């Protein structure tokens, strides 16, 4: 059996342990309460900023160009066409490929008026001899066959020939459909 002083010491130790646990819980509760107050303050600040920004955004709808901006945004969202920068680059690539068709040193083919888009091409050419169209000067490749090798052209047609009065040769118009946006 424990003596009275030992029992008192045991009670004091238990009391101090309970007091420490209680103090730790009180400090923890106080910390959470204070942090909750700061969090609520931050939430109110963010809500105030959001309300302010929403009011600012709503004021834009009253401006005169807002309807046009919304219309353009709607068109851009619903229209899946190629952007103009890519469109121009694709047309220039098509034009470069068409110019590469004539790699001869004799310049028997003359490029004049042309229309190039991502749907169709129309080229006005002049050749010194009609045989160039059907047989290349230095090989057995036809000019028409060279155009058919371009994988972005379809339905290649030369509908008319006309003898040139000003220059020696024949003028013709070549038309073709461009497929896959010229890629």
C-alpha atoms as a PDB file:
ATOM      1  CA  UNK A   1       0.000   0.000   0.000  1.00  0.00           C
ATOM      2  CA  UNK A   2       1.196   3.425  -0.903  1.00  0.00           C
ATOM      3  CA  UNK A   3       1.816   6.023   1.681  1.00  0.00           C
ATOM      4  CA  UNK A   4      -0.102   9.245   1.847  1.00  0.00           C
ATOM      5  CA  UNK A   5       2.725  11.304   0.347  1.00  0.00           C
ATOM      6  CA  UNK A   6       3.039   8.866  -2.542  1.00  0.00           C
ATOM      7  CA  UNK A   7      -0.711   9.049  -3.168  1.00  0.00           C
ATOM      8  CA  UNK A   8      -0.577  12.861  -3.067  1.00  0.00           C
ATOM      9  CA  UNK A   9       2.337  12.821  -5.475  1.00  0.00           C
ATOM     10  CA  UNK A  10       0.418  10.473  -7.792  1.00  0.00           C
ATOM     11  CA  UNK A  11      -2.647  12.742  -7.664  1.00  0.00           C
ATOM     12  CA  UNK A  12      -0.478  15.772  -8.352  1.00  0.00           C
ATOM     13  CA  UNK A  13       1.066  14.036 -11.370  1.00  0.00           C
ATOM     14  CA  UNK A  14      -2.351  13.008 -12.684  1.00  0.00           C
ATOM     15  CA  UNK A  15      -3.651  16.548 -12.032  1.00  0.00           C
ATOM     16  CA  UNK A  16      -0.710  18.102 -13.913  1.00  0.00           C
ATOM     17  CA  UNK A  17      -1.139  15.648 -16.788  1.00  0.00           C
ATOM     18  CA  UNK A  18      -4.842  16.457 -17.037  1.00  0.00           C
ATOM     19  CA  UNK A  19      -4.070  20.167 -16.718  1.00  0.00           C
ATOM     20  CA  UNK A  20      -1.434  19.901 -19.510  1.00  0.00           C
ATOM     21  CA  UNK A  21      -3.871  18.005 -21.743  1.00  0.00           C
ATOM     22  CA  UNK A  22      -6.574  20.584 -20.998  1.00  0.00           C
ATOM     23  CA  UNK A  23      -4.158  23.455 -21.705  1.00  0.00           C
ATOM     24  CA  UNK A  24      -3.011  21.796 -24.927  1.00  0.00           C
ATOM     25  CA  UNK A  25      -6.682  21.338 -26.007  1.00  0.00           C
ATOM     26  CA  UNK A  26      -7.451  24.955 -25.025  1.00  0.00           C
ATOM     27  CA  UNK A  27      -4.466  26.251 -27.007  1.00  0.00           C
ATOM     28  CA  UNK A  28      -5.416  24.079 -29.991  1.00  0.00           C
ATOM     29  CA  UNK A  29      -9.026  25.267 -29.807  1.00  0.00           C
ATOM     30  CA  UNK A  30      -7.873  28.898 -29.553  1.00  0.00           C
ATOM     31  CA  UNK A  31      -5.533  28.455 -32.547  1.00  0.00           C
ATOM     32  CA  UNK A  32      -8.353  26.939 -34.636  1.00  0.00           C
ATOM     33  CA  UNK A  33     -10.753  29.694 -33.601  1.00  0.00           C
ATOM     34  CA  UNK A  34      -8.275  32.441 -34.523  1.00  0.00           C
ATOM     35  CA  UNK A  35      -7.324  30.756 -37.818  1.00  0.00           C
ATOM     36  CA  UNK A  36     -11.034  30.342 -38.597  1.00  0.00           C
ATOM     37  CA  UNK A  37     -11.508  34.076 -38.089  1.00  0.00           C
ATOM     38  CA  UNK A  38      -8.629  34.819 -40.494  1.00  0.00           C
ATOM     39  CA  UNK A  39      -9.975  32.345 -43.049  1.00  0.00           C
ATOM     40  CA  UNK A  40     -13.440  33.910 -42.869  1.00  0.00           C
ATOM     41  CA  UNK A  41     -11.849  37.334 -43.319  1.00  0.00           C
ATOM     42  CA  UNK A  42      -9.933  36.091 -46.388  1.00  0.00           C
ATOM     43  CA  UNK A  43     -13.117  34.521 -47.795  1.00  0.00           C
ATOM     44  CA  UNK A  44     -14.979  37.827 -47.406  1.00  0.00           C
ATOM     45  CA  UNK A  45     -12.118  39.664 -49.143  1.00  0.00           C
ATOM     46  CA  UNK A  46     -12.147  37.208 -52.052  1.00  0.00           C
ATOM     47  CA  UNK A  47     -15.955  37.391 -52.310  1.00  0.00           C
ATOM     48  CA  UNK A  48     -15.746  41.185 -52.354  1.00  0.00           C
ATOM     49  CA  UNK A  49     -13.112  41.057 -55.133  1.00  0.00           C
ATOM     50  CA  UNK A  50     -15.242  38.604 -57.124  1.00  0.00           C
ATOM     51  CA  UNK A  51     -18.296  40.825 -56.754  1.00  0.00           C
ATOM     52  CA  UNK A  52     -16.254  43.825 -57.879  1.00  0.00           C
ATOM     53  CA  UNK A  53     -14.897  41.964 -60.944  1.00  0.00           C
ATOM     54  CA  UNK A  54     -18.378  40.668 -61.848  1.00  0.00           C
ATOM     55  CA  UNK A  55     -19.722  44.218 -61.695  1.00  0.00           C
ATOM     56  CA  UNK A  56     -16.846  45.343 -63.909  1.00  0.00           C
ATOM     57  CA  UNK A  57     -17.530  42.542 -66.395  1.00  0.00           C
ATOM     58  CA  UNK A  58     -21.242  43.309 -66.408  1.00  0.00           C
ATOM     59  CA  UNK A  59     -20.446  46.937 -67.210  1.00  0.00           C
ATOM     60  CA  UNK A  60     -18.725  45.770 -70.405  1.00  0.00           C
ATOM     61  CA  UNK A  61     -22.004  44.400 -71.726  1.00  0.00           C
ATOM     62  CA  UNK A  62     -23.331  47.979 -71.806  1.00  0.00           C
ATOM     63  CA  UNK A  63     -20.540  49.150 -74.108  1.00  0.00           C
ATOM     64  CA  UNK A  64     -21.384  49.566 -77.834  1.00  0.00           C
ATOM     65  CA  UNK A  65     -18.959  46.961 -79.268  1.00  0.00           C
ATOM     66  CA  UNK A  66     -19.861  44.194 -76.823  1.00  0.00           C
ATOM     67  CA  UNK A  67     -22.499  42.590 -79.063  1.00  0.00           C
ATOM     68  CA  UNK A  68     -20.050  42.467 -81.972  1.00  0.00           C
ATOM     69  CA  UNK A  69     -17.394  40.934 -79.729  1.00  0.00           C
ATOM     70  CA  UNK A  70     -19.828  38.246 -78.568  1.00  0.00           C
ATOM     71  CA  UNK A  71     -20.848  37.591 -82.169  1.00  0.00           C
ATOM     72  CA  UNK A  72     -17.208  37.177 -83.223  1.00  0.00           C
ATOM     73  CA  UNK A  73     -16.493  34.898 -80.247  1.00  0.00           C
ATOM     74  CA  UNK A  74     -19.523  32.798 -81.146  1.00  0.00           C
ATOM     75  CA  UNK A  75     -18.399  32.584 -84.775  1.00  0.00           C
ATOM     76  CA  UNK A  76     -14.879  31.565 -83.736  1.00  0.00           C
ATOM     77  CA  UNK A  77     -16.249  28.890 -81.409  1.00  0.00           C
ATOM     78  CA  UNK A  78     -18.589  27.451 -84.044  1.00  0.00           C
ATOM     79  CA  UNK A  79     -16.392  27.920 -87.086  1.00  0.00           C
ATOM     80  CA  UNK A  80     -13.636  25.344 -87.393  1.00  0.00           C
ATOM     81  CA  UNK A  81     -11.827  26.829 -90.350  1.00  0.00           C
ATOM     82  CA  UNK A  82      -8.124  27.250 -90.551  1.00  0.00           C
ATOM     83  CA  UNK A  83      -6.769  30.492 -89.026  1.00  0.00           C
ATOM     84  CA  UNK A  84      -5.789  33.172 -91.538  1.00  0.00           C
ATOM     85  CA  UNK A  85      -2.088  32.865 -90.805  1.00  0.00           C
ATOM     86  CA  UNK A  86      -2.186  29.150 -91.600  1.00  0.00           C
ATOM     87  CA  UNK A  87      -4.450  29.877 -94.579  1.00  0.00           C
ATOM     88  CA  UNK A  88      -1.949  32.293 -96.101  1.00  0.00           C
ATOM     89  CA  UNK A  89       0.984  29.959 -95.411  1.00  0.00           C
ATOM     90  CA  UNK A  90      -0.874  27.066 -97.055  1.00  0.00           C
ATOM     91  CA  UNK A  91      -1.656  29.189-100.129  1.00  0.00           C
ATOM     92  CA  UNK A  92       1.974  30.283-100.385  1.00  0.00           C
ATOM     93  CA  UNK A  93       3.052  26.642-100.105  1.00  0.00           C
ATOM     94  CA  UNK A  94       0.643  25.727-102.929  1.00  0.00           C
ATOM     95  CA  UNK A  95       1.987  28.599-105.013  1.00  0.00           C
ATOM     96  CA  UNK A  96       5.570  27.480-104.390  1.00  0.00           C
ATOM     97  CA  UNK A  97       4.727  23.913-105.412  1.00  0.00           C
ATOM     98  CA  UNK A  98       3.069  25.181-108.593  1.00  0.00           C
ATOM     99  CA  UNK A  99       6.116  27.266-109.469  1.00  0.00           C
ATOM    100  CA  UNK A 100       8.334  24.209-108.948  1.00  0.00           C
ATOM    101  CA  UNK A 101       6.501  22.402-111.741  1.00  0.00           C
ATOM    102  CA  UNK A 102       8.602  24.231-114.339  1.00  0.00           C
ATOM    103  CA  UNK A 103      12.211  23.422-113.470  1.00  0.00           C
ATOM    104  CA  UNK A 104      13.536  23.787-116.973  1.00  0.00           C
ATOM    105  CA  UNK A 105      16.178  26.330-117.914  1.00  0.00           C
ATOM    106  CA  UNK A 106      14.440  27.262-121.129  1.00  0.00           C
ATOM    107  CA  UNK A 107      11.476  29.074-119.542  1.00  0.00           C
ATOM    108  CA  UNK A 108       9.050  27.614-122.014  1.00  0.00           C
ATOM    109  CA  UNK A 109       6.195  28.163-119.565  1.00  0.00           C
ATOM    110  CA  UNK A 110       5.062  31.619-118.525  1.00  0.00           C
ATOM    111  CA  UNK A 111       2.861  32.150-115.496  1.00  0.00           C
ATOM    112  CA  UNK A 112       0.491  35.104-115.875  1.00  0.00           C
ATOM    113  CA  UNK A 113      -2.828  35.609-114.095  1.00  0.00           C
ATOM    114  CA  UNK A 114      -3.839  33.230-111.308  1.00  0.00           C
ATOM    115  CA  UNK A 115      -6.287  32.641-108.479  1.00  0.00           C
ATOM    116  CA  UNK A 116      -5.316  30.389-105.593  1.00  0.00           C
ATOM    117  CA  UNK A 117      -7.481  29.503-102.597  1.00  0.00           C
ATOM    118  CA  UNK A 118      -7.797  26.511-100.306  1.00  0.00           C
ATOM    119  CA  UNK A 119     -10.720  25.229-102.390  1.00  0.00           C
ATOM    120  CA  UNK A 120      -9.722  25.867-105.997  1.00  0.00           C
ATOM    121  CA  UNK A 121      -6.942  27.107-108.239  1.00  0.00           C
ATOM    122  CA  UNK A 122      -7.200  28.780-111.616  1.00  0.00           C
ATOM    123  CA  UNK A 123      -3.965  29.415-113.469  1.00  0.00           C
ATOM    124  CA  UNK A 124      -3.409  31.245-116.738  1.00  0.00           C
ATOM    125  CA  UNK A 125      -0.283  30.033-118.494  1.00  0.00           C
ATOM    126  CA  UNK A 126       1.419  30.504-121.800  1.00  0.00           C
ATOM    127  CA  UNK A 127       3.571  27.854-123.426  1.00  0.00           C
ATOM    128  CA  UNK A 128       5.709  28.158-126.490  1.00  0.00           C
ATOM    129  CA  UNK A 129       4.552  24.792-127.786  1.00  0.00           C
ATOM    130  CA  UNK A 130       1.540  22.605-126.941  1.00  0.00           C
ATOM    131  CA  UNK A 131       3.764  19.547-126.768  1.00  0.00           C
ATOM    132  CA  UNK A 132       5.192  20.912-123.532  1.00  0.00           C
ATOM    133  CA  UNK A 133       1.844  20.306-121.908  1.00  0.00           C
ATOM    134  CA  UNK A 134       1.883  16.676-122.857  1.00  0.00           C
ATOM    135  CA  UNK A 135       5.592  15.944-122.942  1.00  0.00           C
ATOM    136  CA  UNK A 136       8.296  17.715-120.936  1.00  0.00           C
ATOM    137  CA  UNK A 137      11.160  19.065-123.034  1.00  0.00           C
ATOM    138  CA  UNK A 138      14.043  17.125-121.421  1.00  0.00           C
ATOM    139  CA  UNK A 139      12.189  13.993-120.301  1.00  0.00           C
ATOM    140  CA  UNK A 140       9.144  11.912-120.898  1.00  0.00           C
ATOM    141  CA  UNK A 141       7.124  13.608-118.156  1.00  0.00           C
ATOM    142  CA  UNK A 142       4.107  15.611-119.195  1.00  0.00           C
ATOM    143  CA  UNK A 143       3.334  18.931-117.604  1.00  0.00           C
ATOM    144  CA  UNK A 144      -0.148  17.647-116.824  1.00  0.00           C
ATOM    145  CA  UNK A 145       1.428  14.620-115.134  1.00  0.00           C
ATOM    146  CA  UNK A 146       3.587  16.942-113.034  1.00  0.00           C
ATOM    147  CA  UNK A 147       0.433  18.645-111.803  1.00  0.00           C
ATOM    148  CA  UNK A 148      -1.164  15.278-111.084  1.00  0.00           C
ATOM    149  CA  UNK A 149       1.849  14.398-108.908  1.00  0.00           C
ATOM    150  CA  UNK A 150       0.883  17.237-106.565  1.00  0.00           C
ATOM    151  CA  UNK A 151      -1.181  15.313-104.019  1.00  0.00           C
ATOM    152  CA  UNK A 152      -3.272  18.303-102.978  1.00  0.00           C
ATOM    153  CA  UNK A 153      -4.809  18.827-106.452  1.00  0.00           C
ATOM    154  CA  UNK A 154      -7.820  16.993-107.809  1.00  0.00           C
ATOM    155  CA  UNK A 155      -9.931  17.323-111.002  1.00  0.00           C
ATOM    156  CA  UNK A 156      -7.165  18.978-113.009  1.00  0.00           C
ATOM    157  CA  UNK A 157      -8.528  20.308-116.277  1.00  0.00           C
ATOM    158  CA  UNK A 158      -7.440  22.466-119.199  1.00  0.00           C
ATOM    159  CA  UNK A 159     -10.631  23.463-120.964  1.00  0.00           C
ATOM    160  CA  UNK A 160      -9.420  25.966-123.531  1.00  0.00           C
ATOM    161  CA  UNK A 161      -6.342  26.761-125.588  1.00  0.00           C
ATOM    162  CA  UNK A 162      -5.854  29.998-127.438  1.00  0.00           C
ATOM    163  CA  UNK A 163      -3.102  31.041-129.781  1.00  0.00           C
ATOM    164  CA  UNK A 164      -1.399  34.136-128.409  1.00  0.00           C
ATOM    165  CA  UNK A 165      -1.387  37.090-130.785  1.00  0.00           C
ATOM    166  CA  UNK A 166       1.137  39.172-128.839  1.00  0.00           C
ATOM    167  CA  UNK A 167       3.698  36.488-128.075  1.00  0.00           C
ATOM    168  CA  UNK A 168       4.523  33.252-129.759  1.00  0.00           C
ATOM    169  CA  UNK A 169       2.801  30.349-128.127  1.00  0.00           C
ATOM    170  CA  UNK A 170      -0.472  29.194-126.717  1.00  0.00           C
ATOM    171  CA  UNK A 171      -2.373  30.472-123.722  1.00  0.00           C
ATOM    172  CA  UNK A 172      -4.421  28.115-121.598  1.00  0.00           C
ATOM    173  CA  UNK A 173      -6.259  28.087-118.312  1.00  0.00           C
ATOM    174  CA  UNK A 174      -5.708  25.253-115.892  1.00  0.00           C
ATOM    175  CA  UNK A 175      -8.282  24.659-113.160  1.00  0.00           C
ATOM    176  CA  UNK A 176      -8.142  22.212-110.290  1.00  0.00           C
ATOM    177  CA  UNK A 177      -9.728  21.569-106.921  1.00  0.00           C
ATOM    178  CA  UNK A 178      -7.528  21.798-103.840  1.00  0.00           C
ATOM    179  CA  UNK A 179      -8.104  18.988-101.366  1.00  0.00           C
ATOM    180  CA  UNK A 180      -7.190  18.794 -97.668  1.00  0.00           C
ATOM    181  CA  UNK A 181      -6.481  22.543 -97.491  1.00  0.00           C
ATOM    182  CA  UNK A 182      -3.401  22.094 -99.650  1.00  0.00           C
ATOM    183  CA  UNK A 183      -1.641  19.723 -97.255  1.00  0.00           C
END
